[in-house]
Amino acid sequence: MKNSQLIKIPVLIGLFTALFFACAKDEGPFIKKTPSVPVTDTLPNNNDTVITIPEPTVYTYSIGFSTHVKPIFQASCIMGCHNSNHPYLDLRPPVAYNELLTTGASAPYVNTGMPKLSVIYKHLVGIYTLMPKGGPKLPQGKIDTVYTWISQGALNN
């Protein structure tokens, strides 16, 4: 009986030590973590000033590519550059979806798992060359529409 108690004590001490040190490196359950406050993304631009990227609004209703996203491209992208003559991305209605997801030079331009990493989103907010090029930034509501479409799976609906 005494031998079994002598074996249990070192085993318990070993388990407790392993648990304590395993938790210590990742802060474990004994350290209270404070929730991080979301910070607005900022980036330096060419003038050494900082541009602020507002947190996108994700709409609760379904965003359709044909009804919501294509009209944004038609009004803001096709007339200036992204037509059949553009070497990288043609956003005309009959080909826009395929160009964005499969056939465009840098396709896919959308990342449904992490919409903020989508190439098209980065262009719309000015992380990459601001689009529409040479024009004013799109209104935030239109950017949010494209962002929501991407976050909803970038469906061809």
N, C-alpha and C. Protein backbone atom coordinates (compact mmCIF):
# COMPACT_ATOMS: atom_id res chain seq x y z
N MET A 1 0.82 -1.18 0.00
CA MET A 1 0.00 0.00 0.00
C MET A 1 0.87 1.26 0.00
N LYS A 2 1.95 1.24 0.73
CA LYS A 2 2.82 2.40 0.80
C LYS A 2 3.52 2.64 -0.53
N ASN A 3 3.86 1.59 -1.27
CA ASN A 3 4.52 1.75 -2.55
C ASN A 3 3.62 2.45 -3.56
N SER A 4 2.33 2.11 -3.55
CA SER A 4 1.41 2.75 -4.51
C SER A 4 1.24 4.22 -4.20
N GLN A 5 1.26 4.60 -2.92
CA GLN A 5 1.17 6.02 -2.57
C GLN A 5 2.44 6.75 -2.96
N LEU A 6 3.59 6.11 -2.83
CA LEU A 6 4.84 6.72 -3.20
C LEU A 6 4.91 6.96 -4.71
N ILE A 7 4.28 6.12 -5.50
CA ILE A 7 4.27 6.27 -6.95
C ILE A 7 3.30 7.38 -7.34
N LYS A 8 2.17 7.50 -6.68
CA LYS A 8 1.15 8.48 -7.03
C LYS A 8 1.63 9.91 -6.82
N ILE A 9 2.36 10.17 -5.78
CA ILE A 9 2.80 11.53 -5.47
C ILE A 9 3.71 12.07 -6.56
N PRO A 10 4.77 11.37 -6.99
CA PRO A 10 5.61 11.91 -8.07
C PRO A 10 4.84 12.06 -9.39
N VAL A 11 3.92 11.15 -9.65
CA VAL A 11 3.14 11.24 -10.87
C VAL A 11 2.28 12.50 -10.83
N LEU A 12 1.62 12.77 -9.72
CA LEU A 12 0.80 13.97 -9.58
C LEU A 12 1.64 15.24 -9.68
N ILE A 13 2.80 15.22 -9.05
CA ILE A 13 3.68 16.38 -9.12
C ILE A 13 4.14 16.59 -10.56
N GLY A 14 4.47 15.53 -11.26
CA GLY A 14 4.90 15.63 -12.65
C GLY A 14 3.78 16.16 -13.55
N LEU A 15 2.57 15.69 -13.37
CA LEU A 15 1.44 16.17 -14.16
C LEU A 15 1.17 17.65 -13.90
N PHE A 16 1.20 18.03 -12.61
CA PHE A 16 0.96 19.44 -12.28
C PHE A 16 2.06 20.32 -12.88
N THR A 17 3.31 19.89 -12.80
CA THR A 17 4.43 20.65 -13.36
C THR A 17 4.29 20.79 -14.88
N ALA A 18 3.95 19.70 -15.54
CA ALA A 18 3.78 19.74 -16.99
C ALA A 18 2.65 20.69 -17.38
N LEU A 19 1.55 20.62 -16.66
CA LEU A 19 0.42 21.51 -16.94
C LEU A 19 0.79 22.97 -16.71
N PHE A 20 1.48 23.24 -15.61
CA PHE A 20 1.86 24.60 -15.28
C PHE A 20 2.79 25.20 -16.34
N PHE A 21 3.83 24.46 -16.73
CA PHE A 21 4.78 24.99 -17.70
C PHE A 21 4.22 25.02 -19.12
N ALA A 22 3.35 24.10 -19.45
CA ALA A 22 2.72 24.11 -20.77
C ALA A 22 1.83 25.33 -20.91
N CYS A 23 1.15 25.71 -19.86
CA CYS A 23 0.28 26.88 -19.90
C CYS A 23 1.07 28.18 -19.81
N ALA A 24 2.25 28.14 -19.20
CA ALA A 24 3.01 29.36 -19.00
C ALA A 24 3.46 29.99 -20.31
N LYS A 25 3.81 29.16 -21.30
CA LYS A 25 4.32 29.74 -22.53
C LYS A 25 3.22 30.39 -23.37
N ASP A 26 1.96 29.92 -23.28
CA ASP A 26 0.89 30.55 -24.03
C ASP A 26 -0.05 31.33 -23.11
N GLU A 27 0.44 31.68 -21.97
CA GLU A 27 -0.23 32.47 -20.96
C GLU A 27 -1.31 31.70 -20.22
N GLY A 28 -1.64 30.53 -20.66
CA GLY A 28 -2.51 29.61 -19.94
C GLY A 28 -3.76 30.19 -19.34
N PRO A 29 -4.44 29.40 -18.54
CA PRO A 29 -5.70 29.84 -17.96
C PRO A 29 -5.54 30.74 -16.74
N PHE A 30 -4.31 30.92 -16.24
CA PHE A 30 -4.10 31.67 -15.02
C PHE A 30 -3.90 33.16 -15.25
N ILE A 31 -3.75 33.57 -16.51
CA ILE A 31 -3.50 34.97 -16.81
C ILE A 31 -4.72 35.52 -17.53
N LYS A 32 -5.27 36.57 -16.99
CA LYS A 32 -6.46 37.18 -17.57
C LYS A 32 -6.06 37.96 -18.82
N LYS A 33 -6.70 37.63 -19.93
CA LYS A 33 -6.41 38.31 -21.18
C LYS A 33 -7.43 39.42 -21.38
N THR A 34 -6.95 40.59 -21.74
CA THR A 34 -7.86 41.68 -22.03
C THR A 34 -8.22 41.63 -23.50
N PRO A 35 -9.48 41.83 -23.82
CA PRO A 35 -9.85 41.78 -25.24
C PRO A 35 -9.20 42.91 -26.00
N SER A 36 -8.78 42.61 -27.23
CA SER A 36 -8.15 43.64 -28.03
C SER A 36 -9.21 44.52 -28.66
N VAL A 37 -8.93 45.78 -28.74
CA VAL A 37 -9.85 46.74 -29.33
C VAL A 37 -9.53 46.83 -30.81
N PRO A 38 -10.55 46.67 -31.69
CA PRO A 38 -10.25 46.77 -33.11
C PRO A 38 -9.73 48.15 -33.46
N VAL A 39 -8.68 48.19 -34.24
CA VAL A 39 -8.04 49.44 -34.62
C VAL A 39 -8.34 49.69 -36.09
N THR A 40 -8.63 50.92 -36.43
CA THR A 40 -8.86 51.28 -37.82
C THR A 40 -7.54 51.13 -38.57
N ASP A 41 -7.61 50.48 -39.72
CA ASP A 41 -6.41 50.29 -40.52
C ASP A 41 -5.94 51.63 -41.06
N THR A 42 -4.64 51.84 -41.01
CA THR A 42 -4.06 53.04 -41.60
C THR A 42 -2.84 52.65 -42.41
N LEU A 43 -2.58 53.39 -43.44
CA LEU A 43 -1.43 53.14 -44.30
C LEU A 43 -0.80 54.45 -44.71
N PRO A 44 0.53 54.48 -44.87
CA PRO A 44 1.14 55.69 -45.42
C PRO A 44 0.88 55.75 -46.92
N ASN A 45 0.69 56.94 -47.44
CA ASN A 45 0.56 57.06 -48.89
C ASN A 45 1.80 57.75 -49.44
N ASN A 46 1.80 58.11 -50.69
CA ASN A 46 3.00 58.65 -51.34
C ASN A 46 3.45 59.99 -50.75
N ASN A 47 2.58 60.72 -50.10
CA ASN A 47 2.93 62.03 -49.55
C ASN A 47 3.38 61.94 -48.10
N ASP A 48 3.70 60.74 -47.63
CA ASP A 48 4.09 60.51 -46.24
C ASP A 48 3.01 60.92 -45.26
N THR A 49 1.77 60.95 -45.71
CA THR A 49 0.65 61.15 -44.80
C THR A 49 -0.02 59.79 -44.63
N VAL A 50 -0.89 59.70 -43.69
CA VAL A 50 -1.54 58.43 -43.39
C VAL A 50 -2.96 58.47 -43.91
N ILE A 51 -3.35 57.41 -44.64
CA ILE A 51 -4.73 57.31 -45.06
C ILE A 51 -5.44 56.35 -44.12
N THR A 52 -6.65 56.66 -43.79
CA THR A 52 -7.42 55.83 -42.88
C THR A 52 -8.39 54.98 -43.69
N ILE A 53 -8.40 53.71 -43.39
CA ILE A 53 -9.32 52.79 -44.05
C ILE A 53 -10.41 52.44 -43.05
N PRO A 54 -11.62 52.93 -43.29
CA PRO A 54 -12.69 52.62 -42.34
C PRO A 54 -13.05 51.14 -42.34
N GLU A 55 -13.50 50.66 -41.23
CA GLU A 55 -13.96 49.28 -41.12
C GLU A 55 -15.17 49.11 -42.02
N PRO A 56 -15.15 48.14 -42.93
CA PRO A 56 -16.29 48.00 -43.84
C PRO A 56 -17.54 47.54 -43.12
N THR A 57 -18.66 47.98 -43.61
CA THR A 57 -19.95 47.52 -43.11
C THR A 57 -20.34 46.30 -43.90
N VAL A 58 -20.70 45.24 -43.22
CA VAL A 58 -21.19 44.04 -43.90
C VAL A 58 -22.71 44.08 -43.78
N TYR A 59 -23.36 44.18 -44.94
CA TYR A 59 -24.81 44.27 -44.96
C TYR A 59 -25.43 42.93 -44.59
N THR A 60 -26.58 42.99 -43.93
CA THR A 60 -27.25 41.76 -43.48
C THR A 60 -28.07 41.12 -44.59
N TYR A 61 -28.39 41.86 -45.62
CA TYR A 61 -29.17 41.29 -46.71
C TYR A 61 -28.23 40.72 -47.77
N SER A 62 -28.76 39.87 -48.62
CA SER A 62 -27.97 39.21 -49.65
C SER A 62 -27.60 40.18 -50.77
N ILE A 63 -26.34 40.21 -51.12
CA ILE A 63 -25.85 41.06 -52.20
C ILE A 63 -25.73 40.20 -53.46
N GLY A 64 -26.42 40.62 -54.50
CA GLY A 64 -26.36 39.90 -55.77
C GLY A 64 -25.32 40.52 -56.70
N PHE A 65 -24.56 39.67 -57.37
CA PHE A 65 -23.55 40.18 -58.29
C PHE A 65 -24.21 40.97 -59.41
N SER A 66 -25.24 40.40 -60.01
CA SER A 66 -25.90 41.06 -61.15
C SER A 66 -26.63 42.34 -60.74
N THR A 67 -27.31 42.30 -59.61
CA THR A 67 -28.11 43.46 -59.22
C THR A 67 -27.35 44.54 -58.47
N HIS A 68 -26.32 44.16 -57.72
CA HIS A 68 -25.64 45.14 -56.88
C HIS A 68 -24.21 45.48 -57.33
N VAL A 69 -23.44 44.47 -57.70
CA VAL A 69 -22.02 44.68 -57.97
C VAL A 69 -21.76 45.12 -59.41
N LYS A 70 -22.37 44.46 -60.38
CA LYS A 70 -22.16 44.83 -61.79
C LYS A 70 -22.47 46.31 -62.05
N PRO A 71 -23.57 46.86 -61.51
CA PRO A 71 -23.83 48.28 -61.75
C PRO A 71 -22.73 49.20 -61.23
N ILE A 72 -22.07 48.82 -60.15
CA ILE A 72 -20.95 49.62 -59.64
C ILE A 72 -19.81 49.61 -60.66
N PHE A 73 -19.51 48.43 -61.20
CA PHE A 73 -18.46 48.32 -62.21
C PHE A 73 -18.83 49.10 -63.47
N GLN A 74 -20.09 48.99 -63.89
CA GLN A 74 -20.52 49.69 -65.10
C GLN A 74 -20.38 51.19 -64.95
N ALA A 75 -20.76 51.71 -63.81
CA ALA A 75 -20.74 53.16 -63.60
C ALA A 75 -19.34 53.70 -63.32
N SER A 76 -18.48 52.89 -62.72
CA SER A 76 -17.21 53.43 -62.23
C SER A 76 -15.96 52.87 -62.89
N CYS A 77 -16.04 51.71 -63.52
CA CYS A 77 -14.82 51.04 -63.97
C CYS A 77 -14.72 50.87 -65.48
N ILE A 78 -15.82 50.56 -66.12
CA ILE A 78 -15.78 50.23 -67.55
C ILE A 78 -15.50 51.45 -68.41
N MET A 79 -16.13 52.55 -68.11
CA MET A 79 -16.00 53.75 -68.94
C MET A 79 -14.56 54.25 -69.00
N GLY A 80 -13.83 54.14 -67.90
CA GLY A 80 -12.48 54.66 -67.87
C GLY A 80 -11.44 53.70 -68.38
N CYS A 81 -11.41 52.49 -67.84
CA CYS A 81 -10.30 51.59 -68.16
C CYS A 81 -10.69 50.15 -68.39
N HIS A 82 -11.45 49.57 -67.48
CA HIS A 82 -11.64 48.12 -67.45
C HIS A 82 -12.67 47.64 -68.45
N ASN A 83 -12.32 47.82 -69.74
CA ASN A 83 -13.15 47.34 -70.83
C ASN A 83 -12.36 46.28 -71.60
N SER A 84 -12.79 45.94 -72.78
CA SER A 84 -12.13 44.87 -73.54
C SER A 84 -10.69 45.21 -73.93
N ASN A 85 -10.31 46.47 -73.88
CA ASN A 85 -8.94 46.88 -74.22
C ASN A 85 -7.97 46.79 -73.05
N HIS A 86 -8.48 46.61 -71.83
CA HIS A 86 -7.60 46.57 -70.66
C HIS A 86 -6.81 45.27 -70.64
N PRO A 87 -5.49 45.35 -70.43
CA PRO A 87 -4.66 44.15 -70.50
C PRO A 87 -4.82 43.18 -69.32
N TYR A 88 -5.38 43.63 -68.19
CA TYR A 88 -5.43 42.78 -67.01
C TYR A 88 -6.83 42.36 -66.58
N LEU A 89 -7.78 43.29 -66.62
CA LEU A 89 -9.10 42.99 -66.05
C LEU A 89 -10.20 43.69 -66.84
N ASP A 90 -11.05 42.91 -67.45
CA ASP A 90 -12.20 43.40 -68.21
C ASP A 90 -13.44 43.25 -67.32
N LEU A 91 -14.07 44.36 -66.98
CA LEU A 91 -15.23 44.32 -66.09
C LEU A 91 -16.55 44.59 -66.80
N ARG A 92 -16.59 44.37 -68.11
CA ARG A 92 -17.86 44.50 -68.82
C ARG A 92 -18.82 43.41 -68.32
N PRO A 93 -20.12 43.71 -68.27
CA PRO A 93 -21.10 42.78 -67.68
C PRO A 93 -21.01 41.32 -68.14
N PRO A 94 -20.86 41.02 -69.43
CA PRO A 94 -20.87 39.59 -69.79
C PRO A 94 -19.66 38.80 -69.29
N VAL A 95 -18.55 39.47 -68.99
CA VAL A 95 -17.33 38.75 -68.63
C VAL A 95 -16.80 39.08 -67.23
N ALA A 96 -17.40 40.04 -66.54
CA ALA A 96 -16.85 40.53 -65.28
C ALA A 96 -16.65 39.44 -64.24
N TYR A 97 -17.65 38.60 -64.04
CA TYR A 97 -17.54 37.58 -63.00
C TYR A 97 -16.37 36.63 -63.27
N ASN A 98 -16.30 36.11 -64.49
CA ASN A 98 -15.21 35.19 -64.83
C ASN A 98 -13.85 35.87 -64.74
N GLU A 99 -13.78 37.11 -65.15
CA GLU A 99 -12.51 37.85 -65.07
C GLU A 99 -12.06 37.99 -63.61
N LEU A 100 -12.99 38.31 -62.72
CA LEU A 100 -12.65 38.49 -61.31
C LEU A 100 -12.19 37.20 -60.65
N LEU A 101 -12.83 36.09 -61.02
CA LEU A 101 -12.55 34.84 -60.32
C LEU A 101 -11.61 33.88 -61.04
N THR A 102 -11.57 33.92 -62.38
CA THR A 102 -10.74 32.90 -63.04
C THR A 102 -9.88 33.39 -64.19
N THR A 103 -10.38 34.24 -65.07
CA THR A 103 -9.65 34.51 -66.31
C THR A 103 -8.85 35.80 -66.33
N GLY A 104 -9.07 36.70 -65.38
CA GLY A 104 -8.30 37.94 -65.35
C GLY A 104 -6.83 37.66 -65.08
N ALA A 105 -5.96 38.58 -65.46
CA ALA A 105 -4.51 38.37 -65.37
C ALA A 105 -4.04 38.01 -63.96
N SER A 106 -4.66 38.59 -62.93
CA SER A 106 -4.25 38.28 -61.55
C SER A 106 -5.35 37.56 -60.78
N ALA A 107 -6.24 36.89 -61.49
CA ALA A 107 -7.36 36.20 -60.85
C ALA A 107 -6.85 35.12 -59.91
N PRO A 108 -7.53 34.91 -58.81
CA PRO A 108 -8.76 35.55 -58.41
C PRO A 108 -8.50 36.90 -57.73
N TYR A 109 -9.38 37.82 -57.99
CA TYR A 109 -9.30 39.15 -57.40
C TYR A 109 -10.06 39.22 -56.08
N VAL A 110 -10.71 38.13 -55.70
CA VAL A 110 -11.47 38.09 -54.46
C VAL A 110 -10.94 36.96 -53.58
N ASN A 111 -11.02 37.17 -52.28
CA ASN A 111 -10.64 36.17 -51.29
C ASN A 111 -11.82 36.05 -50.34
N THR A 112 -12.66 35.04 -50.57
CA THR A 112 -13.88 34.92 -49.76
C THR A 112 -13.59 34.54 -48.31
N GLY A 113 -12.46 33.92 -48.04
CA GLY A 113 -12.10 33.56 -46.67
C GLY A 113 -11.64 34.76 -45.86
N MET A 114 -10.96 35.69 -46.51
CA MET A 114 -10.48 36.91 -45.86
C MET A 114 -10.71 38.08 -46.82
N PRO A 115 -11.94 38.61 -46.84
CA PRO A 115 -12.30 39.64 -47.81
C PRO A 115 -11.37 40.86 -47.83
N LYS A 116 -10.80 41.22 -46.68
CA LYS A 116 -9.91 42.39 -46.65
C LYS A 116 -8.63 42.15 -47.45
N LEU A 117 -8.31 40.90 -47.73
CA LEU A 117 -7.13 40.58 -48.52
C LEU A 117 -7.44 40.49 -50.01
N SER A 118 -8.68 40.71 -50.39
CA SER A 118 -9.06 40.67 -51.80
C SER A 118 -8.38 41.80 -52.55
N VAL A 119 -7.83 41.47 -53.71
CA VAL A 119 -7.14 42.47 -54.54
C VAL A 119 -8.09 43.61 -54.89
N ILE A 120 -9.32 43.27 -55.28
CA ILE A 120 -10.26 44.32 -55.68
C ILE A 120 -10.58 45.24 -54.50
N TYR A 121 -10.74 44.68 -53.31
CA TYR A 121 -11.01 45.51 -52.12
C TYR A 121 -9.82 46.43 -51.84
N LYS A 122 -8.61 45.90 -51.94
CA LYS A 122 -7.42 46.71 -51.69
C LYS A 122 -7.31 47.87 -52.68
N HIS A 123 -7.74 47.66 -53.91
CA HIS A 123 -7.75 48.76 -54.88
C HIS A 123 -8.83 49.78 -54.53
N LEU A 124 -10.00 49.32 -54.14
CA LEU A 124 -11.10 50.24 -53.86
C LEU A 124 -10.83 51.14 -52.65
N VAL A 125 -10.09 50.64 -51.66
CA VAL A 125 -9.82 51.45 -50.48
C VAL A 125 -8.49 52.20 -50.55
N GLY A 126 -7.66 51.90 -51.56
CA GLY A 126 -6.42 52.64 -51.75
C GLY A 126 -5.19 51.99 -51.17
N ILE A 127 -5.27 50.72 -50.75
CA ILE A 127 -4.07 50.03 -50.29
C ILE A 127 -3.16 49.80 -51.49
N TYR A 128 -3.73 49.32 -52.59
CA TYR A 128 -3.04 49.28 -53.88
C TYR A 128 -3.46 50.56 -54.60
N THR A 129 -3.05 50.74 -55.84
CA THR A 129 -3.42 51.93 -56.59
C THR A 129 -4.93 52.15 -56.49
N LEU A 130 -5.31 53.33 -56.03
CA LEU A 130 -6.72 53.63 -55.81
C LEU A 130 -7.49 53.53 -57.11
N MET A 131 -8.59 52.80 -57.06
CA MET A 131 -9.49 52.70 -58.20
C MET A 131 -10.82 53.34 -57.80
N PRO A 132 -11.44 54.02 -58.68
CA PRO A 132 -11.08 54.23 -60.07
C PRO A 132 -9.88 55.17 -60.20
N LYS A 133 -8.98 54.76 -61.08
CA LYS A 133 -7.73 55.49 -61.28
C LYS A 133 -8.02 56.89 -61.81
N GLY A 134 -7.42 57.87 -61.19
CA GLY A 134 -7.58 59.25 -61.62
C GLY A 134 -8.89 59.89 -61.21
N GLY A 135 -9.75 59.12 -60.59
CA GLY A 135 -11.04 59.65 -60.16
C GLY A 135 -11.15 59.66 -58.65
N PRO A 136 -12.26 60.15 -58.15
CA PRO A 136 -12.44 60.13 -56.70
C PRO A 136 -12.70 58.71 -56.21
N LYS A 137 -12.36 58.48 -54.97
CA LYS A 137 -12.63 57.19 -54.34
C LYS A 137 -14.13 56.93 -54.37
N LEU A 138 -14.51 55.68 -54.56
CA LEU A 138 -15.93 55.34 -54.55
C LEU A 138 -16.54 55.67 -53.19
N PRO A 139 -17.83 55.99 -53.16
CA PRO A 139 -18.48 56.19 -51.86
C PRO A 139 -18.37 54.92 -51.01
N GLN A 140 -18.26 55.09 -49.71
CA GLN A 140 -18.06 53.95 -48.81
C GLN A 140 -19.17 52.91 -48.96
N GLY A 141 -20.39 53.33 -49.23
CA GLY A 141 -21.49 52.38 -49.40
C GLY A 141 -21.26 51.42 -50.55
N LYS A 142 -20.68 51.90 -51.64
CA LYS A 142 -20.39 51.03 -52.78
C LYS A 142 -19.24 50.08 -52.46
N ILE A 143 -18.25 50.57 -51.75
CA ILE A 143 -17.14 49.71 -51.32
C ILE A 143 -17.68 48.63 -50.39
N ASP A 144 -18.56 49.01 -49.48
CA ASP A 144 -19.17 48.04 -48.55
C ASP A 144 -20.00 47.00 -49.30
N THR A 145 -20.65 47.41 -50.38
CA THR A 145 -21.43 46.47 -51.18
C THR A 145 -20.52 45.41 -51.79
N VAL A 146 -19.41 45.83 -52.37
CA VAL A 146 -18.45 44.88 -52.96
C VAL A 146 -17.87 44.00 -51.86
N TYR A 147 -17.52 44.59 -50.73
CA TYR A 147 -16.96 43.83 -49.60
C TYR A 147 -17.96 42.79 -49.11
N THR A 148 -19.22 43.18 -48.96
CA THR A 148 -20.25 42.25 -48.49
C THR A 148 -20.42 41.11 -49.49
N TRP A 149 -20.43 41.43 -50.78
CA TRP A 149 -20.55 40.39 -51.81
C TRP A 149 -19.42 39.38 -51.66
N ILE A 150 -18.20 39.86 -51.46
CA ILE A 150 -17.06 38.96 -51.28
C ILE A 150 -17.24 38.12 -50.02
N SER A 151 -17.62 38.76 -48.91
CA SER A 151 -17.76 38.04 -47.65
C SER A 151 -18.90 37.03 -47.67
N GLN A 152 -19.87 37.24 -48.56
CA GLN A 152 -20.98 36.29 -48.70
C GLN A 152 -20.65 35.15 -49.66
N GLY A 153 -19.42 35.10 -50.14
CA GLY A 153 -18.98 34.00 -50.97
C GLY A 153 -18.74 34.34 -52.42
N ALA A 154 -18.88 35.61 -52.80
CA ALA A 154 -18.65 36.07 -54.17
C ALA A 154 -19.40 35.21 -55.19
N LEU A 155 -20.68 35.04 -54.93
CA LEU A 155 -21.50 34.20 -55.80
C LEU A 155 -21.88 34.93 -57.08
N ASN A 156 -22.09 34.16 -58.14
CA ASN A 156 -22.53 34.72 -59.41
C ASN A 156 -24.06 34.69 -59.43
N ASN A 157 -24.66 35.57 -58.65
CA ASN A 157 -26.12 35.58 -58.53
C ASN A 157 -26.70 36.89 -58.98
